[in-house]
Amino acid sequence: METTTAIRRLTALAQETRLAIYRLLVPAGEEGLSAGVIAERLGVSPATLSFHLKELERAGLLQARREGRSICYAADYDGMRDLLSFLAEDCCHGRPELCAPLSIPPAGLAAGEKRQ
């Protein structure tokens, strides 16, 4: 991944509403959610939401598809996987356990439990 692409993706996520959108879409899976549902769940106006969705899509973190009269958005898992791989590229120094899959909860946290 190019450094400029990583910076664009990190910049897109470095904003409260966009981070909330992305985190809402991750568990929604490939089906994603319609823009209307996203706006409702996050309490964001349609115009504001549209701006943030475009930023995330332009950064390669969302995919949009039309379903009838609605546009559905889904997390681009490949885009995030590429970003995480780029960030962790040199972290292990020969110790792969340091870079274990990110979906495994850290020691001391039960599955589904979140850090405070």
PDB file of N, CA and C in Angstrom:
ATOM      1  N   MET A   1       0.842  -1.175   0.000  1.00  0.00           N
ATOM      2  CA  MET A   1       0.000   0.000   0.000  1.00  0.00           C
ATOM      3  C   MET A   1       0.886   1.236   0.000  1.00  0.00           C
ATOM      4  N   GLU A   2       0.490   2.197  -0.779  1.00  0.00           N
ATOM      5  CA  GLU A   2       1.193   3.474  -0.812  1.00  0.00           C
ATOM      6  C   GLU A   2       0.960   4.227   0.499  1.00  0.00           C
ATOM      7  N   THR A   3       1.957   4.952   0.947  1.00  0.00           N
ATOM      8  CA  THR A   3       1.825   5.749   2.163  1.00  0.00           C
ATOM      9  C   THR A   3       0.682   6.755   2.032  1.00  0.00           C
ATOM     10  N   THR A   4       0.518   7.348   0.851  1.00  0.00           N
ATOM     11  CA  THR A   4      -0.557   8.333   0.664  1.00  0.00           C
ATOM     12  C   THR A   4      -1.940   7.699   0.828  1.00  0.00           C
ATOM     13  N   THR A   5      -2.085   6.454   0.414  1.00  0.00           N
ATOM     14  CA  THR A   5      -3.363   5.747   0.590  1.00  0.00           C
ATOM     15  C   THR A   5      -3.616   5.503   2.067  1.00  0.00           C
ATOM     16  N   ALA A   6      -2.595   5.077   2.797  1.00  0.00           N
ATOM     17  CA  ALA A   6      -2.739   4.846   4.235  1.00  0.00           C
ATOM     18  C   ALA A   6      -3.117   6.141   4.946  1.00  0.00           C
ATOM     19  N   ILE A   7      -2.482   7.223   4.592  1.00  0.00           N
ATOM     20  CA  ILE A   7      -2.792   8.518   5.209  1.00  0.00           C
ATOM     21  C   ILE A   7      -4.219   8.935   4.897  1.00  0.00           C
ATOM     22  N   ARG A   8      -4.664   8.723   3.664  1.00  0.00           N
ATOM     23  CA  ARG A   8      -6.041   9.076   3.281  1.00  0.00           C
ATOM     24  C   ARG A   8      -7.042   8.269   4.105  1.00  0.00           C
ATOM     25  N   ARG A   9      -6.770   6.983   4.311  1.00  0.00           N
ATOM     26  CA  ARG A   9      -7.683   6.135   5.082  1.00  0.00           C
ATOM     27  C   ARG A   9      -7.672   6.502   6.555  1.00  0.00           C
ATOM     28  N   LEU A  10      -6.500   6.738   7.097  1.00  0.00           N
ATOM     29  CA  LEU A  10      -6.419   7.136   8.499  1.00  0.00           C
ATOM     30  C   LEU A  10      -7.084   8.494   8.724  1.00  0.00           C
ATOM     31  N   THR A  11      -6.901   9.404   7.799  1.00  0.00           N
ATOM     32  CA  THR A  11      -7.528  10.726   7.894  1.00  0.00           C
ATOM     33  C   THR A  11      -9.043  10.594   7.854  1.00  0.00           C
ATOM     34  N   ALA A  12      -9.549   9.729   7.006  1.00  0.00           N
ATOM     35  CA  ALA A  12     -10.994   9.532   6.913  1.00  0.00           C
ATOM     36  C   ALA A  12     -11.552   9.011   8.234  1.00  0.00           C
ATOM     37  N   LEU A  13     -10.827   8.153   8.902  1.00  0.00           N
ATOM     38  CA  LEU A  13     -11.296   7.572  10.157  1.00  0.00           C
ATOM     39  C   LEU A  13     -11.057   8.486  11.359  1.00  0.00           C
ATOM     40  N   ALA A  14     -10.249   9.506  11.184  1.00  0.00           N
ATOM     41  CA  ALA A  14      -9.894  10.397  12.289  1.00  0.00           C
ATOM     42  C   ALA A  14     -10.930  11.504  12.479  1.00  0.00           C
ATOM     43  N   GLN A  15     -12.174  11.140  12.375  1.00  0.00           N
ATOM     44  CA  GLN A  15     -13.284  12.078  12.561  1.00  0.00           C
ATOM     45  C   GLN A  15     -14.405  11.286  13.214  1.00  0.00           C
ATOM     46  N   GLU A  16     -15.011  11.844  14.244  1.00  0.00           N
ATOM     47  CA  GLU A  16     -15.960  11.110  15.085  1.00  0.00           C
ATOM     48  C   GLU A  16     -17.124  10.479  14.317  1.00  0.00           C
ATOM     49  N   THR A  17     -17.768  11.229  13.451  1.00  0.00           N
ATOM     50  CA  THR A  17     -18.919  10.691  12.716  1.00  0.00           C
ATOM     51  C   THR A  17     -18.492   9.596  11.755  1.00  0.00           C
ATOM     52  N   ARG A  18     -17.394   9.801  11.032  1.00  0.00           N
ATOM     53  CA  ARG A  18     -16.938   8.777  10.087  1.00  0.00           C
ATOM     54  C   ARG A  18     -16.508   7.506  10.801  1.00  0.00           C
ATOM     55  N   LEU A  19     -15.858   7.643  11.939  1.00  0.00           N
ATOM     56  CA  LEU A  19     -15.480   6.464  12.702  1.00  0.00           C
ATOM     57  C   LEU A  19     -16.731   5.728  13.188  1.00  0.00           C
ATOM     58  N   ALA A  20     -17.737   6.463  13.626  1.00  0.00           N
ATOM     59  CA  ALA A  20     -18.999   5.846  14.066  1.00  0.00           C
ATOM     60  C   ALA A  20     -19.689   5.132  12.904  1.00  0.00           C
ATOM     61  N   ILE A  21     -19.669   5.731  11.730  1.00  0.00           N
ATOM     62  CA  ILE A  21     -20.260   5.099  10.543  1.00  0.00           C
ATOM     63  C   ILE A  21     -19.541   3.784  10.252  1.00  0.00           C
ATOM     64  N   TYR A  22     -18.231   3.832  10.214  1.00  0.00           N
ATOM     65  CA  TYR A  22     -17.466   2.629   9.896  1.00  0.00           C
ATOM     66  C   TYR A  22     -17.732   1.532  10.924  1.00  0.00           C
ATOM     67  N   ARG A  23     -17.719   1.890  12.200  1.00  0.00           N
ATOM     68  CA  ARG A  23     -17.942   0.900  13.255  1.00  0.00           C
ATOM     69  C   ARG A  23     -19.355   0.339  13.221  1.00  0.00           C
ATOM     70  N   LEU A  24     -20.310   1.123  12.756  1.00  0.00           N
ATOM     71  CA  LEU A  24     -21.681   0.638  12.591  1.00  0.00           C
ATOM     72  C   LEU A  24     -21.770  -0.358  11.435  1.00  0.00           C
ATOM     73  N   LEU A  25     -21.020  -0.090  10.376  1.00  0.00           N
ATOM     74  CA  LEU A  25     -21.107  -0.926   9.187  1.00  0.00           C
ATOM     75  C   LEU A  25     -20.328  -2.240   9.294  1.00  0.00           C
ATOM     76  N   VAL A  26     -19.294  -2.285  10.090  1.00  0.00           N
ATOM     77  CA  VAL A  26     -18.494  -3.518  10.193  1.00  0.00           C
ATOM     78  C   VAL A  26     -19.345  -4.720  10.582  1.00  0.00           C
ATOM     79  N   PRO A  27     -20.124  -4.652  11.656  1.00  0.00           N
ATOM     80  CA  PRO A  27     -20.921  -5.835  12.010  1.00  0.00           C
ATOM     81  C   PRO A  27     -22.115  -6.074  11.082  1.00  0.00           C
ATOM     82  N   ALA A  28     -22.453  -5.098  10.238  1.00  0.00           N
ATOM     83  CA  ALA A  28     -23.571  -5.270   9.303  1.00  0.00           C
ATOM     84  C   ALA A  28     -23.215  -6.219   8.172  1.00  0.00           C
ATOM     85  N   GLY A  29     -21.938  -6.522   8.009  1.00  0.00           N
ATOM     86  CA  GLY A  29     -21.509  -7.475   6.994  1.00  0.00           C
ATOM     87  C   GLY A  29     -21.616  -6.927   5.584  1.00  0.00           C
ATOM     88  N   GLU A  30     -21.569  -7.840   4.620  1.00  0.00           N
ATOM     89  CA  GLU A  30     -21.579  -7.460   3.204  1.00  0.00           C
ATOM     90  C   GLU A  30     -22.909  -6.847   2.784  1.00  0.00           C
ATOM     91  N   GLU A  31     -23.969  -7.151   3.506  1.00  0.00           N
ATOM     92  CA  GLU A  31     -25.277  -6.558   3.201  1.00  0.00           C
ATOM     93  C   GLU A  31     -25.255  -5.054   3.424  1.00  0.00           C
ATOM     94  N   GLY A  32     -24.546  -4.637   4.450  1.00  0.00           N
ATOM     95  CA  GLY A  32     -24.466  -3.223   4.766  1.00  0.00           C
ATOM     96  C   GLY A  32     -25.785  -2.674   5.264  1.00  0.00           C
ATOM     97  N   LEU A  33     -25.890  -1.357   5.222  1.00  0.00           N
ATOM     98  CA  LEU A  33     -27.091  -0.652   5.667  1.00  0.00           C
ATOM     99  C   LEU A  33     -27.402   0.460   4.694  1.00  0.00           C
ATOM    100  N   SER A  34     -28.668   0.800   4.584  1.00  0.00           N
ATOM    101  CA  SER A  34     -29.044   1.916   3.722  1.00  0.00           C
ATOM    102  C   SER A  34     -28.628   3.225   4.396  1.00  0.00           C
ATOM    103  N   ALA A  35     -28.469   4.235   3.590  1.00  0.00           N
ATOM    104  CA  ALA A  35     -28.094   5.546   4.113  1.00  0.00           C
ATOM    105  C   ALA A  35     -29.119   6.028   5.134  1.00  0.00           C
ATOM    106  N   GLY A  36     -30.392   5.762   4.874  1.00  0.00           N
ATOM    107  CA  GLY A  36     -31.441   6.174   5.801  1.00  0.00           C
ATOM    108  C   GLY A  36     -31.309   5.515   7.165  1.00  0.00           C
ATOM    109  N   VAL A  37     -30.992   4.240   7.175  1.00  0.00           N
ATOM    110  CA  VAL A  37     -30.819   3.516   8.439  1.00  0.00           C
ATOM    111  C   VAL A  37     -29.593   4.045   9.180  1.00  0.00           C
ATOM    112  N   ILE A  38     -28.513   4.294   8.454  1.00  0.00           N
ATOM    113  CA  ILE A  38     -27.300   4.830   9.081  1.00  0.00           C
ATOM    114  C   ILE A  38     -27.602   6.176   9.718  1.00  0.00           C
ATOM    115  N   ALA A  39     -28.282   7.053   8.973  1.00  0.00           N
ATOM    116  CA  ALA A  39     -28.625   8.387   9.486  1.00  0.00           C
ATOM    117  C   ALA A  39     -29.478   8.281  10.748  1.00  0.00           C
ATOM    118  N   GLU A  40     -30.444   7.388  10.716  1.00  0.00           N
ATOM    119  CA  GLU A  40     -31.341   7.217  11.862  1.00  0.00           C
ATOM    120  C   GLU A  40     -30.597   6.706  13.086  1.00  0.00           C
ATOM    121  N   ARG A  41     -29.788   5.683  12.894  1.00  0.00           N
ATOM    122  CA  ARG A  41     -29.083   5.084  14.032  1.00  0.00           C
ATOM    123  C   ARG A  41     -28.060   6.020  14.652  1.00  0.00           C
ATOM    124  N   LEU A  42     -27.451   6.869  13.821  1.00  0.00           N
ATOM    125  CA  LEU A  42     -26.421   7.771  14.340  1.00  0.00           C
ATOM    126  C   LEU A  42     -26.951   9.168  14.647  1.00  0.00           C
ATOM    127  N   GLY A  43     -28.191   9.440  14.265  1.00  0.00           N
ATOM    128  CA  GLY A  43     -28.755  10.766  14.515  1.00  0.00           C
ATOM    129  C   GLY A  43     -28.060  11.859  13.725  1.00  0.00           C
ATOM    130  N   VAL A  44     -27.759  11.557  12.470  1.00  0.00           N
ATOM    131  CA  VAL A  44     -27.041  12.489  11.594  1.00  0.00           C
ATOM    132  C   VAL A  44     -27.976  12.924  10.469  1.00  0.00           C
ATOM    133  N   SER A  45     -27.926  14.189  10.095  1.00  0.00           N
ATOM    134  CA  SER A  45     -28.769  14.670   9.003  1.00  0.00           C
ATOM    135  C   SER A  45     -28.319  14.037   7.687  1.00  0.00           C
ATOM    136  N   PRO A  46     -29.249  13.875   6.740  1.00  0.00           N
ATOM    137  CA  PRO A  46     -28.885  13.266   5.451  1.00  0.00           C
ATOM    138  C   PRO A  46     -27.742  13.988   4.731  1.00  0.00           C
ATOM    139  N   ALA A  47     -27.737  15.312   4.756  1.00  0.00           N
ATOM    140  CA  ALA A  47     -26.672  16.057   4.063  1.00  0.00           C
ATOM    141  C   ALA A  47     -25.315  15.805   4.707  1.00  0.00           C
ATOM    142  N   THR A  48     -25.289  15.837   6.018  1.00  0.00           N
ATOM    143  CA  THR A  48     -24.036  15.574   6.743  1.00  0.00           C
ATOM    144  C   THR A  48     -23.574  14.151   6.499  1.00  0.00           C
ATOM    145  N   LEU A  49     -24.511  13.214   6.575  1.00  0.00           N
ATOM    146  CA  LEU A  49     -24.180  11.810   6.353  1.00  0.00           C
ATOM    147  C   LEU A  49     -23.603  11.596   4.957  1.00  0.00           C
ATOM    148  N   SER A  50     -24.228  12.192   3.965  1.00  0.00           N
ATOM    149  CA  SER A  50     -23.771  12.046   2.586  1.00  0.00           C
ATOM    150  C   SER A  50     -22.309  12.475   2.443  1.00  0.00           C
ATOM    151  N   PHE A  51     -21.965  13.595   3.044  1.00  0.00           N
ATOM    152  CA  PHE A  51     -20.586  14.085   2.999  1.00  0.00           C
ATOM    153  C   PHE A  51     -19.631  13.058   3.598  1.00  0.00           C
ATOM    154  N   HIS A  52     -19.968  12.535   4.775  1.00  0.00           N
ATOM    155  CA  HIS A  52     -19.081  11.596   5.454  1.00  0.00           C
ATOM    156  C   HIS A  52     -18.987  10.254   4.720  1.00  0.00           C
ATOM    157  N   LEU A  53     -20.093   9.793   4.167  1.00  0.00           N
ATOM    158  CA  LEU A  53     -20.064   8.543   3.402  1.00  0.00           C
ATOM    159  C   LEU A  53     -19.158   8.673   2.184  1.00  0.00           C
ATOM    160  N   LYS A  54     -19.231   9.803   1.507  1.00  0.00           N
ATOM    161  CA  LYS A  54     -18.376  10.020   0.333  1.00  0.00           C
ATOM    162  C   LYS A  54     -16.902  10.027   0.731  1.00  0.00           C
ATOM    163  N   GLU A  55     -16.584  10.626   1.868  1.00  0.00           N
ATOM    164  CA  GLU A  55     -15.192  10.645   2.324  1.00  0.00           C
ATOM    165  C   GLU A  55     -14.681   9.230   2.603  1.00  0.00           C
ATOM    166  N   LEU A  56     -15.498   8.425   3.252  1.00  0.00           N
ATOM    167  CA  LEU A  56     -15.094   7.045   3.542  1.00  0.00           C
ATOM    168  C   LEU A  56     -14.996   6.212   2.272  1.00  0.00           C
ATOM    169  N   GLU A  57     -15.910   6.451   1.350  1.00  0.00           N
ATOM    170  CA  GLU A  57     -15.869   5.721   0.077  1.00  0.00           C
ATOM    171  C   GLU A  57     -14.644   6.122  -0.732  1.00  0.00           C
ATOM    172  N   ARG A  58     -14.358   7.406  -0.780  1.00  0.00           N
ATOM    173  CA  ARG A  58     -13.192   7.908  -1.519  1.00  0.00           C
ATOM    174  C   ARG A  58     -11.886   7.364  -0.931  1.00  0.00           C
ATOM    175  N   ALA A  59     -11.876   7.126   0.380  1.00  0.00           N
ATOM    176  CA  ALA A  59     -10.680   6.597   1.044  1.00  0.00           C
ATOM    177  C   ALA A  59     -10.525   5.090   0.846  1.00  0.00           C
ATOM    178  N   GLY A  60     -11.543   4.433   0.295  1.00  0.00           N
ATOM    179  CA  GLY A  60     -11.458   2.997   0.063  1.00  0.00           C
ATOM    180  C   GLY A  60     -11.868   2.174   1.266  1.00  0.00           C
ATOM    181  N   LEU A  61     -12.705   2.754   2.137  1.00  0.00           N
ATOM    182  CA  LEU A  61     -13.142   2.042   3.328  1.00  0.00           C
ATOM    183  C   LEU A  61     -14.602   1.611   3.279  1.00  0.00           C
ATOM    184  N   LEU A  62     -15.345   2.098   2.286  1.00  0.00           N
ATOM    185  CA  LEU A  62     -16.748   1.731   2.096  1.00  0.00           C
ATOM    186  C   LEU A  62     -17.004   1.377   0.650  1.00  0.00           C
ATOM    187  N   GLN A  63     -18.028   0.557   0.466  1.00  0.00           N
ATOM    188  CA  GLN A  63     -18.531   0.257  -0.875  1.00  0.00           C
ATOM    189  C   GLN A  63     -20.003   0.633  -0.893  1.00  0.00           C
ATOM    190  N   ALA A  64     -20.437   1.237  -1.981  1.00  0.00           N
ATOM    191  CA  ALA A  64     -21.840   1.629  -2.121  1.00  0.00           C
ATOM    192  C   ALA A  64     -22.469   0.841  -3.254  1.00  0.00           C
ATOM    193  N   ARG A  65     -23.763   0.525  -3.078  1.00  0.00           N
ATOM    194  CA  ARG A  65     -24.501  -0.123  -4.158  1.00  0.00           C
ATOM    195  C   ARG A  65     -25.945   0.358  -4.089  1.00  0.00           C
ATOM    196  N   ARG A  66     -26.530   0.462  -5.258  1.00  0.00           N
ATOM    197  CA  ARG A  66     -27.917   0.909  -5.338  1.00  0.00           C
ATOM    198  C   ARG A  66     -28.836  -0.291  -5.204  1.00  0.00           C
ATOM    199  N   GLU A  67     -29.855  -0.134  -4.377  1.00  0.00           N
ATOM    200  CA  GLU A  67     -30.915  -1.131  -4.231  1.00  0.00           C
ATOM    201  C   GLU A  67     -32.233  -0.387  -4.386  1.00  0.00           C
ATOM    202  N   GLY A  68     -32.779  -0.452  -5.587  1.00  0.00           N
ATOM    203  CA  GLY A  68     -34.014   0.290  -5.852  1.00  0.00           C
ATOM    204  C   GLY A  68     -33.755   1.784  -5.737  1.00  0.00           C
ATOM    205  N   ARG A  69     -34.475   2.411  -4.840  1.00  0.00           N
ATOM    206  CA  ARG A  69     -34.328   3.851  -4.659  1.00  0.00           C
ATOM    207  C   ARG A  69     -33.325   4.209  -3.571  1.00  0.00           C
ATOM    208  N   SER A  70     -32.780   3.206  -2.914  1.00  0.00           N
ATOM    209  CA  SER A  70     -31.845   3.444  -1.808  1.00  0.00           C
ATOM    210  C   SER A  70     -30.414   3.123  -2.222  1.00  0.00           C
ATOM    211  N   ILE A  71     -29.493   3.711  -1.505  1.00  0.00           N
ATOM    212  CA  ILE A  71     -28.085   3.350  -1.651  1.00  0.00           C
ATOM    213  C   ILE A  71     -27.681   2.684  -0.346  1.00  0.00           C
ATOM    214  N   CYS A  72     -27.107   1.498  -0.477  1.00  0.00           N
ATOM    215  CA  CYS A  72     -26.633   0.761   0.691  1.00  0.00           C
ATOM    216  C   CYS A  72     -25.116   0.870   0.756  1.00  0.00           C
ATOM    217  N   TYR A  73     -24.626   0.976   1.958  1.00  0.00           N
ATOM    218  CA  TYR A  73     -23.188   1.094   2.184  1.00  0.00           C
ATOM    219  C   TYR A  73     -22.727  -0.066   3.037  1.00  0.00           C
ATOM    220  N   ALA A  74     -21.569  -0.601   2.694  1.00  0.00           N
ATOM    221  CA  ALA A  74     -20.963  -1.690   3.454  1.00  0.00           C
ATOM    222  C   ALA A  74     -19.488  -1.384   3.653  1.00  0.00           C
ATOM    223  N   ALA A  75     -18.954  -1.869   4.752  1.00  0.00           N
ATOM    224  CA  ALA A  75     -17.526  -1.704   5.012  1.00  0.00           C
ATOM    225  C   ALA A  75     -16.746  -2.443   3.932  1.00  0.00           C
ATOM    226  N   ASP A  76     -15.684  -1.827   3.476  1.00  0.00           N
ATOM    227  CA  ASP A  76     -14.789  -2.479   2.520  1.00  0.00           C
ATOM    228  C   ASP A  76     -13.719  -3.186   3.348  1.00  0.00           C
ATOM    229  N   TYR A  77     -13.951  -4.457   3.609  1.00  0.00           N
ATOM    230  CA  TYR A  77     -13.047  -5.215   4.479  1.00  0.00           C
ATOM    231  C   TYR A  77     -11.647  -5.331   3.886  1.00  0.00           C
ATOM    232  N   ASP A  78     -11.555  -5.443   2.579  1.00  0.00           N
ATOM    233  CA  ASP A  78     -10.233  -5.505   1.951  1.00  0.00           C
ATOM    234  C   ASP A  78      -9.474  -4.205   2.168  1.00  0.00           C
ATOM    235  N   GLY A  79     -10.170  -3.085   2.074  1.00  0.00           N
ATOM    236  CA  GLY A  79      -9.529  -1.792   2.295  1.00  0.00           C
ATOM    237  C   GLY A  79      -8.972  -1.669   3.698  1.00  0.00           C
ATOM    238  N   MET A  80      -9.748  -2.103   4.688  1.00  0.00           N
ATOM    239  CA  MET A  80      -9.274  -2.036   6.071  1.00  0.00           C
ATOM    240  C   MET A  80      -8.175  -3.058   6.311  1.00  0.00           C
ATOM    241  N   ARG A  81      -8.326  -4.255   5.747  1.00  0.00           N
ATOM    242  CA  ARG A  81      -7.296  -5.285   5.906  1.00  0.00           C
ATOM    243  C   ARG A  81      -5.966  -4.788   5.339  1.00  0.00           C
ATOM    244  N   ASP A  82      -6.012  -4.136   4.190  1.00  0.00           N
ATOM    245  CA  ASP A  82      -4.788  -3.591   3.595  1.00  0.00           C
ATOM    246  C   ASP A  82      -4.163  -2.538   4.499  1.00  0.00           C
ATOM    247  N   LEU A  83      -5.006  -1.684   5.082  1.00  0.00           N
ATOM    248  CA  LEU A  83      -4.498  -0.643   5.975  1.00  0.00           C
ATOM    249  C   LEU A  83      -3.865  -1.270   7.212  1.00  0.00           C
ATOM    250  N   LEU A  84      -4.536  -2.222   7.818  1.00  0.00           N
ATOM    251  CA  LEU A  84      -3.990  -2.864   9.017  1.00  0.00           C
ATOM    252  C   LEU A  84      -2.699  -3.618   8.708  1.00  0.00           C
ATOM    253  N   SER A  85      -2.650  -4.249   7.554  1.00  0.00           N
ATOM    254  CA  SER A  85      -1.419  -4.946   7.147  1.00  0.00           C
ATOM    255  C   SER A  85      -0.280  -3.955   6.964  1.00  0.00           C
ATOM    256  N   PHE A  86      -0.584  -2.820   6.346  1.00  0.00           N
ATOM    257  CA  PHE A  86       0.423  -1.771   6.154  1.00  0.00           C
ATOM    258  C   PHE A  86       0.947  -1.287   7.507  1.00  0.00           C
ATOM    259  N   LEU A  87       0.045  -1.059   8.452  1.00  0.00           N
ATOM    260  CA  LEU A  87       0.449  -0.546   9.762  1.00  0.00           C
ATOM    261  C   LEU A  87       1.258  -1.574  10.553  1.00  0.00           C
ATOM    262  N   ALA A  88       0.927  -2.848  10.387  1.00  0.00           N
ATOM    263  CA  ALA A  88       1.578  -3.899  11.164  1.00  0.00           C
ATOM    264  C   ALA A  88       2.710  -4.589  10.405  1.00  0.00           C
ATOM    265  N   GLU A  89       3.028  -4.089   9.237  1.00  0.00           N
ATOM    266  CA  GLU A  89       3.984  -4.743   8.343  1.00  0.00           C
ATOM    267  C   GLU A  89       5.288  -5.140   9.018  1.00  0.00           C
ATOM    268  N   ASP A  90       5.847  -4.286   9.835  1.00  0.00           N
ATOM    269  CA  ASP A  90       7.151  -4.548  10.438  1.00  0.00           C
ATOM    270  C   ASP A  90       7.092  -4.689  11.955  1.00  0.00           C
ATOM    271  N   CYS A  91       5.910  -4.969  12.495  1.00  0.00           N
ATOM    272  CA  CYS A  91       5.770  -4.930  13.953  1.00  0.00           C
ATOM    273  C   CYS A  91       6.271  -6.170  14.665  1.00  0.00           C
ATOM    274  N   CYS A  92       6.352  -7.284  14.015  1.00  0.00           N
ATOM    275  CA  CYS A  92       6.552  -8.550  14.732  1.00  0.00           C
ATOM    276  C   CYS A  92       8.007  -8.867  15.061  1.00  0.00           C
ATOM    277  N   HIS A  93       8.934  -8.382  14.304  1.00  0.00           N
ATOM    278  CA  HIS A  93      10.357  -8.644  14.552  1.00  0.00           C
ATOM    279  C   HIS A  93      10.628 -10.113  14.845  1.00  0.00           C
ATOM    280  N   GLY A  94      10.049 -10.990  14.031  1.00  0.00           N
ATOM    281  CA  GLY A  94      10.281 -12.416  14.204  1.00  0.00           C
ATOM    282  C   GLY A  94       9.443 -13.067  15.286  1.00  0.00           C
ATOM    283  N   ARG A  95       8.519 -12.326  15.862  1.00  0.00           N
ATOM    284  CA  ARG A  95       7.641 -12.870  16.923  1.00  0.00           C
ATOM    285  C   ARG A  95       6.194 -12.737  16.459  1.00  0.00           C
ATOM    286  N   PRO A  96       5.704 -13.694  15.663  1.00  0.00           N
ATOM    287  CA  PRO A  96       4.362 -13.591  15.086  1.00  0.00           C
ATOM    288  C   PRO A  96       3.245 -13.477  16.116  1.00  0.00           C
ATOM    289  N   GLU A  97       3.474 -13.927  17.339  1.00  0.00           N
ATOM    290  CA  GLU A  97       2.424 -13.813  18.359  1.00  0.00           C
ATOM    291  C   GLU A  97       2.096 -12.352  18.687  1.00  0.00           C
ATOM    292  N   LEU A  98       3.041 -11.459  18.413  1.00  0.00           N
ATOM    293  CA  LEU A  98       2.785 -10.033  18.639  1.00  0.00           C
ATOM    294  C   LEU A  98       1.775  -9.477  17.643  1.00  0.00           C
ATOM    295  N   CYS A  99       1.674 -10.099  16.492  1.00  0.00           N
ATOM    296  CA  CYS A  99       0.775  -9.623  15.436  1.00  0.00           C
ATOM    297  C   CYS A  99      -0.342 -10.632  15.181  1.00  0.00           C
ATOM    298  N   ALA A 100      -0.789 -11.296  16.228  1.00  0.00           N
ATOM    299  CA  ALA A 100      -1.861 -12.282  16.091  1.00  0.00           C
ATOM    300  C   ALA A 100      -3.086 -11.623  15.465  1.00  0.00           C
ATOM    301  N   PRO A 101      -3.976 -12.401  14.921  1.00  0.00           N
ATOM    302  CA  PRO A 101      -5.177 -11.814  14.312  1.00  0.00           C
ATOM    303  C   PRO A 101      -5.843 -10.816  15.246  1.00  0.00           C
ATOM    304  N   LEU A 102      -6.223  -9.694  14.686  1.00  0.00           N
ATOM    305  CA  LEU A 102      -6.809  -8.627  15.478  1.00  0.00           C
ATOM    306  C   LEU A 102      -8.193  -8.966  15.999  1.00  0.00           C
ATOM    307  N   SER A 103      -8.822  -9.988  15.447  1.00  0.00           N
ATOM    308  CA  SER A 103     -10.158 -10.343  15.908  1.00  0.00           C
ATOM    309  C   SER A 103     -10.123 -11.147  17.208  1.00  0.00           C
ATOM    310  N   ILE A 104      -8.944 -11.568  17.639  1.00  0.00           N
ATOM    311  CA  ILE A 104      -8.817 -12.287  18.904  1.00  0.00           C
ATOM    312  C   ILE A 104      -8.752 -11.252  20.012  1.00  0.00           C
ATOM    313  N   PRO A 105      -9.624 -11.371  21.053  1.00  0.00           N
ATOM    314  CA  PRO A 105      -9.609 -10.370  22.110  1.00  0.00           C
ATOM    315  C   PRO A 105      -8.286 -10.382  22.860  1.00  0.00           C
ATOM    316  N   PRO A 106      -7.807  -9.198  23.274  1.00  0.00           N
ATOM    317  CA  PRO A 106      -6.578  -9.138  24.049  1.00  0.00           C
ATOM    318  C   PRO A 106      -6.715  -9.928  25.352  1.00  0.00           C
ATOM    319  N   ALA A 107      -5.594 -10.355  25.899  1.00  0.00           N
ATOM    320  CA  ALA A 107      -5.610 -11.096  27.160  1.00  0.00           C
ATOM    321  C   ALA A 107      -6.356 -10.296  28.208  1.00  0.00           C
ATOM    322  N   GLY A 108      -7.203 -10.976  28.957  1.00  0.00           N
ATOM    323  CA  GLY A 108      -7.956 -10.319  30.011  1.00  0.00           C
ATOM    324  C   GLY A 108      -9.331  -9.847  29.585  1.00  0.00           C
ATOM    325  N   LEU A 109      -9.654  -9.907  28.292  1.00  0.00           N
ATOM    326  CA  LEU A 109     -10.973  -9.507  27.814  1.00  0.00           C
ATOM    327  C   LEU A 109     -11.692 -10.718  27.268  1.00  0.00           C
ATOM    328  N   ALA A 110     -12.918 -10.884  27.668  1.00  0.00           N
ATOM    329  CA  ALA A 110     -13.743 -11.973  27.129  1.00  0.00           C
ATOM    330  C   ALA A 110     -14.211 -11.595  25.732  1.00  0.00           C
ATOM    331  N   ALA A 111     -14.551 -12.585  24.909  1.00  0.00           N
ATOM    332  CA  ALA A 111     -15.047 -12.318  23.561  1.00  0.00           C
ATOM    333  C   ALA A 111     -16.246 -11.384  23.638  1.00  0.00           C
ATOM    334  N   GLY A 112     -16.260 -10.368  22.822  1.00  0.00           N
ATOM    335  CA  GLY A 112     -17.366  -9.410  22.768  1.00  0.00           C
ATOM    336  C   GLY A 112     -17.221  -8.264  23.761  1.00  0.00           C
ATOM    337  N   GLU A 113     -16.332  -8.397  24.753  1.00  0.00           N
ATOM    338  CA  GLU A 113     -16.134  -7.338  25.725  1.00  0.00           C
ATOM    339  C   GLU A 113     -15.266  -6.256  25.103  1.00  0.00           C
ATOM    340  N   LYS A 114     -15.552  -5.015  25.431  1.00  0.00           N
ATOM    341  CA  LYS A 114     -14.806  -3.894  24.853  1.00  0.00           C
ATOM    342  C   LYS A 114     -13.962  -3.193  25.914  1.00  0.00           C
ATOM    343  N   ARG A 115     -12.856  -2.624  25.454  1.00  0.00           N
ATOM    344  CA  ARG A 115     -12.028  -1.814  26.336  1.00  0.00           C
ATOM    345  C   ARG A 115     -12.757  -0.519  26.645  1.00  0.00           C
ATOM    346  N   GLN A 116     -12.487   0.018  27.774  1.00  0.00           N
ATOM    347  CA  GLN A 116     -13.092   1.309  28.169  1.00  0.00           C
ATOM    348  C   GLN A 116     -12.230   2.454  27.732  1.00  0.00           C
TER     349      GLN A 116
END
